[in-house]
């Protein structure tokens, strides 16, 4: 991905989110304590919030620039966003939920082929004609991922996609995300609290604390530095 977050500033109730960095890896893992500003940062990128300062560029396209008063609306950013709750439409079938993300909702031609490809990667072909109410937590997550992917995004934002999913099911879904990374070649910014997920999926990692990036680099190095700093903080002086 080529995601540039330059001088971003967003006042929040308990602190101000301030981020200045560029991401170049295929999958960047974002982690940190609850309430650190991770979701707010994703919302700045996708266009659900506007910063008081700074800019967002994706693949050379300017999406937000506070100084220039430039702002591309979320639906034109070509960013797939999967929030923690998935935000599926309960009155639509799995197929219609998926096609909601497709341009013009077109189920024919190229759109039909892409639906089949994504349903295969996510292993949800057998669910297409079912309703949402009867799906398991893991199935809902895969449908939400599929809807985001059908929009042909240049970037996929995943906000704790395994929240509320038990560990065995996480182990089955993680390879699905790896297939999205490797087969569909969609770059991702992935929020997680689990170090093993960051190590398995990501090629760069960020740690956010109280609105600021306190570590950025290779996942193993960032996680090791986080463990060291925690141990130092807990040791007697």
Protein backbone atom coordinates (compact mmCIF):
# COMPACT_ATOMS: atom_id res chain seq x y z
CA UNK A 1 0.00 0.00 0.00
CA UNK A 2 1.02 3.64 -0.38
CA UNK A 3 -0.80 5.37 2.43
CA UNK A 4 0.50 8.74 3.63
CA UNK A 5 -0.92 10.25 6.81
CA UNK A 6 0.70 13.65 7.14
CA UNK A 7 0.33 15.84 10.23
CA UNK A 8 -3.10 14.42 11.09
CA UNK A 9 -4.66 15.97 14.18
CA UNK A 10 -8.07 15.17 15.65
CA UNK A 11 -9.14 16.27 19.15
CA UNK A 12 -10.83 13.43 21.09
CA UNK A 13 -12.46 13.59 24.54
CA UNK A 14 -9.40 12.36 26.50
CA UNK A 15 -6.51 13.34 24.21
CA UNK A 16 -5.67 14.53 20.70
CA UNK A 17 -4.97 12.00 17.97
CA UNK A 18 -1.74 13.03 16.21
CA UNK A 19 -0.28 10.85 13.44
CA UNK A 20 2.43 11.49 10.84
CA UNK A 21 3.70 8.48 8.87
CA UNK A 22 3.68 6.53 5.60
CA UNK A 23 2.77 2.86 5.16
CA UNK A 24 4.22 0.77 2.33
CA UNK A 25 3.67 -2.87 3.34
CA UNK A 26 1.00 -5.21 2.02
CA UNK A 27 -0.58 -5.55 5.47
CA UNK A 28 0.04 -3.18 8.37
CA UNK A 29 -1.03 -4.24 11.85
CA UNK A 30 -2.33 -1.55 14.20
CA UNK A 31 -2.53 -2.38 17.88
CA UNK A 32 -2.61 -0.70 21.26
CA UNK A 33 -4.77 -0.50 24.38
CA UNK A 34 -8.52 0.03 24.21
CA UNK A 35 -9.38 3.68 23.79
CA UNK A 36 -6.02 4.56 22.20
CA UNK A 37 -7.67 6.04 19.09
CA UNK A 38 -7.37 3.11 16.67
CA UNK A 39 -10.97 3.26 15.39
CA UNK A 40 -10.81 7.06 15.14
CA UNK A 41 -7.72 6.74 12.95
CA UNK A 42 -9.50 4.29 10.63
CA UNK A 43 -12.46 6.68 10.44
CA UNK A 44 -10.14 9.51 9.40
CA UNK A 45 -8.71 7.34 6.62
CA UNK A 46 -12.08 6.16 5.30
CA UNK A 47 -13.61 9.65 5.55
CA UNK A 48 -16.09 9.22 8.40
CA UNK A 49 -14.23 11.92 10.34
CA UNK A 50 -12.41 15.05 9.25
CA UNK A 51 -9.13 16.09 10.90
CA UNK A 52 -8.59 19.62 12.15
CA UNK A 53 -5.13 19.48 10.55
CA UNK A 54 -3.24 17.27 8.12
CA UNK A 55 -3.79 15.20 5.01
CA UNK A 56 -4.49 11.65 3.82
CA UNK A 57 -3.12 10.36 0.50
CA UNK A 58 -3.68 6.86 -0.91
CA UNK A 59 -1.62 5.69 -3.91
CA UNK A 60 -0.87 9.33 -4.72
CA UNK A 61 -4.51 10.45 -4.57
CA UNK A 62 -5.35 13.21 -2.13
CA UNK A 63 -8.33 12.12 -0.03
CA UNK A 64 -8.25 14.73 2.74
CA UNK A 65 -6.32 17.94 3.11
CA UNK A 66 -7.44 20.19 5.95
CA UNK A 67 -5.27 23.12 4.85
CA UNK A 68 -6.67 23.04 1.31
CA UNK A 69 -10.19 22.22 2.52
CA UNK A 70 -10.12 19.21 0.21
CA UNK A 71 -12.24 16.18 1.11
CA UNK A 72 -13.22 13.13 -0.95
CA UNK A 73 -16.44 11.55 0.43
CA UNK A 74 -16.21 7.97 1.75
CA UNK A 75 -18.11 6.39 -1.15
CA UNK A 76 -15.53 7.73 -3.65
CA UNK A 77 -12.38 6.73 -1.74
CA UNK A 78 -12.20 3.11 -2.93
CA UNK A 79 -11.54 1.98 0.64
CA UNK A 80 -13.27 -1.07 2.06
CA UNK A 81 -14.09 -0.68 5.74
CA UNK A 82 -15.17 -3.54 7.99
CA UNK A 83 -16.15 -2.17 11.42
CA UNK A 84 -16.20 -4.32 14.53
CA UNK A 85 -19.89 -5.22 14.23
CA UNK A 86 -19.75 -5.94 10.48
CA UNK A 87 -22.81 -3.68 9.90
CA UNK A 88 -24.71 -6.18 7.73
CA UNK A 89 -28.29 -5.53 6.59
CA UNK A 90 -30.53 -8.03 8.43
CA UNK A 91 -33.39 -7.77 5.89
CA UNK A 92 -31.17 -8.78 2.94
CA UNK A 93 -29.82 -12.20 1.97
CA UNK A 94 -26.10 -12.91 2.03
CA UNK A 95 -26.00 -12.44 -1.75
CA UNK A 96 -27.74 -9.05 -1.57
CA UNK A 97 -25.49 -7.95 1.29
CA UNK A 98 -22.47 -8.84 -0.81
CA UNK A 99 -23.78 -7.11 -3.93
CA UNK A 100 -24.47 -3.96 -1.93
CA UNK A 101 -20.72 -3.40 -2.07
CA UNK A 102 -20.46 -3.96 -5.83
CA UNK A 103 -20.53 -0.98 -8.22
CA UNK A 104 -24.21 -0.38 -9.08
CA UNK A 105 -25.02 -3.70 -7.38
CA UNK A 106 -24.50 -5.41 -10.75
CA UNK A 107 -24.68 -9.22 -10.49
CA UNK A 108 -23.94 -9.82 -14.20
CA UNK A 109 -20.78 -9.96 -16.30
CA UNK A 110 -17.61 -8.99 -14.50
CA UNK A 111 -19.53 -8.34 -11.28
CA UNK A 112 -20.88 -11.89 -11.30
CA UNK A 113 -17.40 -13.34 -11.84
CA UNK A 114 -15.97 -11.26 -8.99
CA UNK A 115 -18.80 -12.34 -6.67
CA UNK A 116 -18.00 -15.99 -7.46
CA UNK A 117 -14.27 -15.43 -6.92
CA UNK A 118 -14.69 -13.68 -3.57
CA UNK A 119 -17.30 -16.17 -2.35
CA UNK A 120 -14.83 -18.95 -3.17
CA UNK A 121 -11.91 -17.28 -1.37
CA UNK A 122 -14.08 -16.65 1.71
CA UNK A 123 -15.69 -20.11 1.48
CA UNK A 124 -19.25 -18.74 1.64
CA UNK A 125 -20.67 -20.11 -1.65
CA UNK A 126 -23.17 -22.25 0.27
CA UNK A 127 -24.43 -19.22 2.23
CA UNK A 128 -25.37 -16.95 -0.69
CA UNK A 129 -29.13 -17.54 -0.55
CA UNK A 130 -29.41 -17.62 3.24
CA UNK A 131 -30.57 -14.83 5.51
CA UNK A 132 -28.28 -13.00 7.90
CA UNK A 133 -30.12 -13.97 11.08
CA UNK A 134 -29.04 -17.60 10.97
CA UNK A 135 -25.33 -16.99 10.40
CA UNK A 136 -22.63 -17.68 12.96
CA UNK A 137 -20.24 -14.95 14.10
CA UNK A 138 -17.51 -16.20 11.80
CA UNK A 139 -19.88 -16.39 8.81
CA UNK A 140 -21.03 -12.83 9.43
CA UNK A 141 -17.43 -11.64 9.49
CA UNK A 142 -16.71 -13.33 6.17
CA UNK A 143 -19.81 -11.81 4.57
CA UNK A 144 -18.79 -8.34 5.81
CA UNK A 145 -15.32 -8.91 4.33
CA UNK A 146 -16.86 -10.03 1.04
CA UNK A 147 -19.06 -6.95 0.79
CA UNK A 148 -16.02 -4.70 1.31
CA UNK A 149 -13.99 -6.63 -1.27
CA UNK A 150 -16.70 -6.49 -3.93
CA UNK A 151 -16.25 -2.73 -4.03
CA UNK A 152 -12.78 -3.43 -5.55
CA UNK A 153 -11.02 -1.38 -2.87
CA UNK A 154 -7.48 -0.06 -3.12
CA UNK A 155 -7.22 -0.54 0.65
CA UNK A 156 -9.09 -2.68 3.18
CA UNK A 157 -9.51 -1.44 6.76
CA UNK A 158 -10.31 -4.16 9.30
CA UNK A 159 -11.27 -3.02 12.81
CA UNK A 160 -10.75 -6.02 15.09
CA UNK A 161 -12.45 -8.48 12.72
CA UNK A 162 -12.20 -11.27 15.31
CA UNK A 163 -13.88 -9.36 18.15
CA UNK A 164 -16.38 -11.71 19.79
CA UNK A 165 -15.10 -14.74 17.83
CA UNK A 166 -13.67 -17.66 19.79
CA UNK A 167 -10.05 -18.73 19.33
CA UNK A 168 -10.67 -21.92 17.28
CA UNK A 169 -12.77 -19.93 14.80
CA UNK A 170 -10.07 -17.24 14.62
CA UNK A 171 -7.66 -19.97 13.57
CA UNK A 172 -9.95 -20.86 10.67
CA UNK A 173 -10.55 -17.27 9.52
CA UNK A 174 -6.93 -16.10 9.66
CA UNK A 175 -5.96 -18.19 6.58
CA UNK A 176 -8.87 -16.53 4.76
CA UNK A 177 -7.30 -13.13 5.39
CA UNK A 178 -3.97 -14.50 4.16
CA UNK A 179 -5.71 -15.57 0.94
CA UNK A 180 -7.13 -12.06 0.52
CA UNK A 181 -3.60 -10.72 0.93
CA UNK A 182 -1.95 -13.23 -1.40
CA UNK A 183 -4.62 -14.20 -3.96
CA UNK A 184 -6.65 -10.99 -4.28
CA UNK A 185 -3.62 -8.80 -3.46
CA UNK A 186 -5.64 -6.25 -1.51
CA UNK A 187 -3.51 -4.22 0.95
CA UNK A 188 -4.88 -4.04 4.48
CA UNK A 189 -4.66 -1.99 7.66
CA UNK A 190 -5.54 -4.51 10.33
CA UNK A 191 -6.49 -3.66 13.93
CA UNK A 192 -5.94 -6.44 16.46
CA UNK A 193 -5.09 -7.03 20.12
CA UNK A 194 -3.51 -10.42 19.37
CA UNK A 195 0.28 -10.52 18.75
CA UNK A 196 0.08 -13.89 16.96
CA UNK A 197 -2.33 -12.42 14.38
CA UNK A 198 -0.01 -9.47 13.75
CA UNK A 199 2.96 -11.81 13.29
CA UNK A 200 1.09 -14.22 11.01
CA UNK A 201 -0.52 -11.67 8.72
CA UNK A 202 1.39 -8.37 8.72
CA UNK A 203 4.69 -7.15 7.31
CA UNK A 204 4.74 -3.92 9.31
CA UNK A 205 3.22 -2.96 12.64
CA UNK A 206 2.21 0.19 14.51
CA UNK A 207 1.54 0.68 18.20
CA UNK A 208 -0.83 3.50 19.14
CA UNK A 209 -1.05 4.88 22.66
CA UNK A 210 -3.20 7.87 23.65
CA UNK A 211 -3.44 9.02 20.06
CA UNK A 212 0.24 8.76 19.12
CA UNK A 213 2.29 6.18 17.25
CA UNK A 214 4.91 5.05 19.77
CA UNK A 215 6.43 2.25 17.65
CA UNK A 216 6.52 1.50 13.91
CA UNK A 217 8.50 -1.16 12.07
CA UNK A 218 8.77 -4.90 11.51
CA UNK A 219 6.11 -6.75 13.54
CA UNK A 220 8.56 -8.87 15.57
CA UNK A 221 10.61 -5.79 16.50
CA UNK A 222 7.59 -3.67 17.44
CA UNK A 223 6.06 -6.46 19.53
CA UNK A 224 9.41 -7.15 21.22
CA UNK A 225 9.87 -3.47 22.07
CA UNK A 226 6.34 -3.36 23.47
CA UNK A 227 7.02 -6.38 25.70
CA UNK A 228 10.28 -4.85 26.89
CA UNK A 229 8.68 -1.50 27.71
CA UNK A 230 5.88 -3.20 29.63
CA UNK A 231 8.38 -5.25 31.63
CA UNK A 232 10.39 -2.13 32.42
CA UNK A 233 7.29 -0.25 33.51
CA UNK A 234 6.33 -3.07 35.84
CA UNK A 235 9.76 -3.62 37.36
CA UNK A 236 10.82 -1.97 40.64
CA UNK A 237 12.99 1.15 40.36
